Amino acid sequence: MPGFATLAMFNLDADDPAGLAAFYAAVLGWEVLHSEEEYAMIGDGSVSVGFGKVPGYSGPGWPAESAPKRYHLDFYVEELDKAEEQALALGATKATEQPAPDRYRVLLDPGGHPFDICLKS
């Protein structure tokens, strides 16, 4: 069944929109399209991701989610170890719980959101 809308972009809650935009722009190799204290946006020419400031925001604390998870992104990578090293150098942290470390790794972005780096296999 055909839909009646097209996806314009994703918008994600954040404490530091500009910081998360810079982090994900570096992870994906995308351009920072807009960056202010209250809102920032990145894109690759066809997809955009926005980050909006939410007063009192706190990360979900995955895996024991003390606050509701606001999103979870998965990224395909060629090499898990290399991608993990690069993400950590950009400011990510490695989650203590790793359900399937040979297939994917759970990392936390600088705002505390979980994201996975996954082998495409």
Protein backbone atom coordinates (compact mmCIF):
# COMPACT_ATOMS: atom_id res chain seq x y z
CA MET A 1 0.00 0.00 0.00
CA PRO A 2 1.51 3.33 -0.99
CA GLY A 3 1.97 5.90 1.73
CA PHE A 4 0.77 9.47 1.66
CA ALA A 5 3.95 11.09 3.03
CA THR A 6 7.70 11.01 2.64
CA LEU A 7 10.23 11.16 5.44
CA ALA A 8 11.69 14.64 5.73
CA MET A 9 14.18 13.97 8.51
CA PHE A 10 14.75 12.56 12.00
CA ASN A 11 14.76 14.91 14.99
CA LEU A 12 16.39 13.73 18.20
CA ASP A 13 16.20 15.11 21.75
CA ALA A 14 19.51 16.36 23.15
CA ASP A 15 21.21 18.29 25.92
CA ASP A 16 23.91 19.58 23.53
CA PRO A 17 22.54 19.74 19.96
CA ALA A 18 25.68 21.24 18.43
CA GLY A 19 27.90 18.66 20.12
CA LEU A 20 25.80 15.71 18.94
CA ALA A 21 25.62 17.17 15.42
CA ALA A 22 29.42 17.43 15.30
CA PHE A 23 29.78 13.87 16.68
CA TYR A 24 27.41 12.25 14.16
CA ALA A 25 28.71 14.37 11.27
CA ALA A 26 32.17 12.97 11.99
CA VAL A 27 30.87 9.40 12.40
CA LEU A 28 28.95 9.51 9.10
CA GLY A 29 31.16 11.90 7.11
CA TRP A 30 28.17 14.23 6.67
CA GLU A 31 28.00 18.01 6.69
CA VAL A 32 26.81 20.10 9.64
CA LEU A 33 24.04 22.09 7.97
CA HIS A 34 23.00 24.19 10.97
CA SER A 35 24.43 24.54 14.46
CA GLU A 36 23.15 26.69 17.32
CA GLU A 37 22.68 26.17 21.04
CA GLU A 38 19.01 25.20 20.69
CA TYR A 39 19.08 23.22 17.43
CA ALA A 40 21.55 21.64 15.02
CA MET A 41 21.22 19.60 11.83
CA ILE A 42 23.42 17.33 9.72
CA GLY A 43 22.81 15.84 6.29
CA ASP A 44 24.24 14.07 3.29
CA GLY A 45 22.11 15.71 0.59
CA SER A 46 19.28 13.19 0.81
CA VAL A 47 18.80 12.45 4.52
CA SER A 48 18.94 14.89 7.44
CA VAL A 49 19.10 14.40 11.18
CA GLY A 50 18.21 17.23 13.57
CA PHE A 51 19.06 17.60 17.25
CA GLY A 52 16.82 19.74 19.46
CA LYS A 53 17.63 20.97 22.96
CA VAL A 54 15.35 19.62 25.68
CA PRO A 55 15.69 21.35 29.06
CA GLY A 56 16.66 18.88 31.78
CA TYR A 57 17.48 16.18 29.24
CA SER A 58 19.37 13.14 30.49
CA GLY A 59 20.49 10.06 28.58
CA PRO A 60 18.55 6.83 29.01
CA GLY A 61 21.30 4.95 30.86
CA TRP A 62 21.22 1.85 28.64
CA PRO A 63 20.90 -1.05 29.38
CA ALA A 64 19.21 -0.21 32.72
CA GLU A 65 17.15 2.60 31.24
CA SER A 66 16.50 5.07 34.03
CA ALA A 67 14.93 7.44 31.50
CA PRO A 68 12.99 6.37 28.40
CA LYS A 69 15.12 5.62 25.35
CA ARG A 70 14.46 8.31 22.77
CA TYR A 71 15.99 6.48 19.83
CA HIS A 72 18.49 3.81 18.87
CA LEU A 73 20.54 4.07 15.66
CA ASP A 74 22.36 1.22 13.89
CA PHE A 75 25.26 1.82 11.50
CA TYR A 76 26.89 -0.66 9.15
CA VAL A 77 30.70 -0.74 9.34
CA GLU A 78 33.40 -2.73 7.56
CA GLU A 79 35.46 -3.57 10.68
CA LEU A 80 34.03 -3.56 14.22
CA ASP A 81 37.30 -2.94 16.07
CA LYS A 82 38.37 -0.08 13.81
CA ALA A 83 34.92 1.57 13.85
CA GLU A 84 34.74 1.24 17.63
CA GLU A 85 38.16 2.87 18.00
CA GLN A 86 37.13 5.74 15.72
CA ALA A 87 33.82 6.32 17.55
CA LEU A 88 35.55 6.28 20.94
CA ALA A 89 38.09 8.83 19.68
CA LEU A 90 35.18 11.10 18.71
CA GLY A 91 33.70 10.97 22.21
CA ALA A 92 31.55 7.82 22.29
CA THR A 93 31.80 5.40 25.20
CA LYS A 94 31.44 1.63 25.13
CA ALA A 95 28.41 0.20 26.92
CA THR A 96 29.26 -2.31 29.63
CA GLU A 97 26.71 -4.80 28.29
CA GLN A 98 27.57 -6.23 24.86
CA PRO A 99 24.91 -8.76 23.74
CA ALA A 100 26.70 -9.95 20.56
CA PRO A 101 30.17 -8.34 20.33
CA ASP A 102 31.23 -10.49 17.35
CA ARG A 103 28.31 -9.14 15.26
CA TYR A 104 27.71 -5.67 16.69
CA ARG A 105 28.90 -3.32 19.44
CA VAL A 106 26.73 -1.09 21.58
CA LEU A 107 28.22 2.36 22.08
CA LEU A 108 26.85 5.49 23.73
CA ASP A 109 27.06 8.86 22.01
CA PRO A 110 28.22 11.92 23.99
CA GLY A 111 24.58 12.53 25.03
CA GLY A 112 24.20 9.00 26.42
CA HIS A 113 22.06 7.60 23.57
CA PRO A 114 22.87 4.00 22.64
CA PHE A 115 23.82 3.22 19.05
CA ASP A 116 25.15 0.09 17.40
CA ILE A 117 27.95 -0.43 14.94
CA CYS A 118 27.09 -3.59 12.98
CA LEU A 119 28.74 -5.87 10.46
CA LYS A 120 26.66 -5.99 7.30
CA SER A 121 27.18 -9.76 6.79
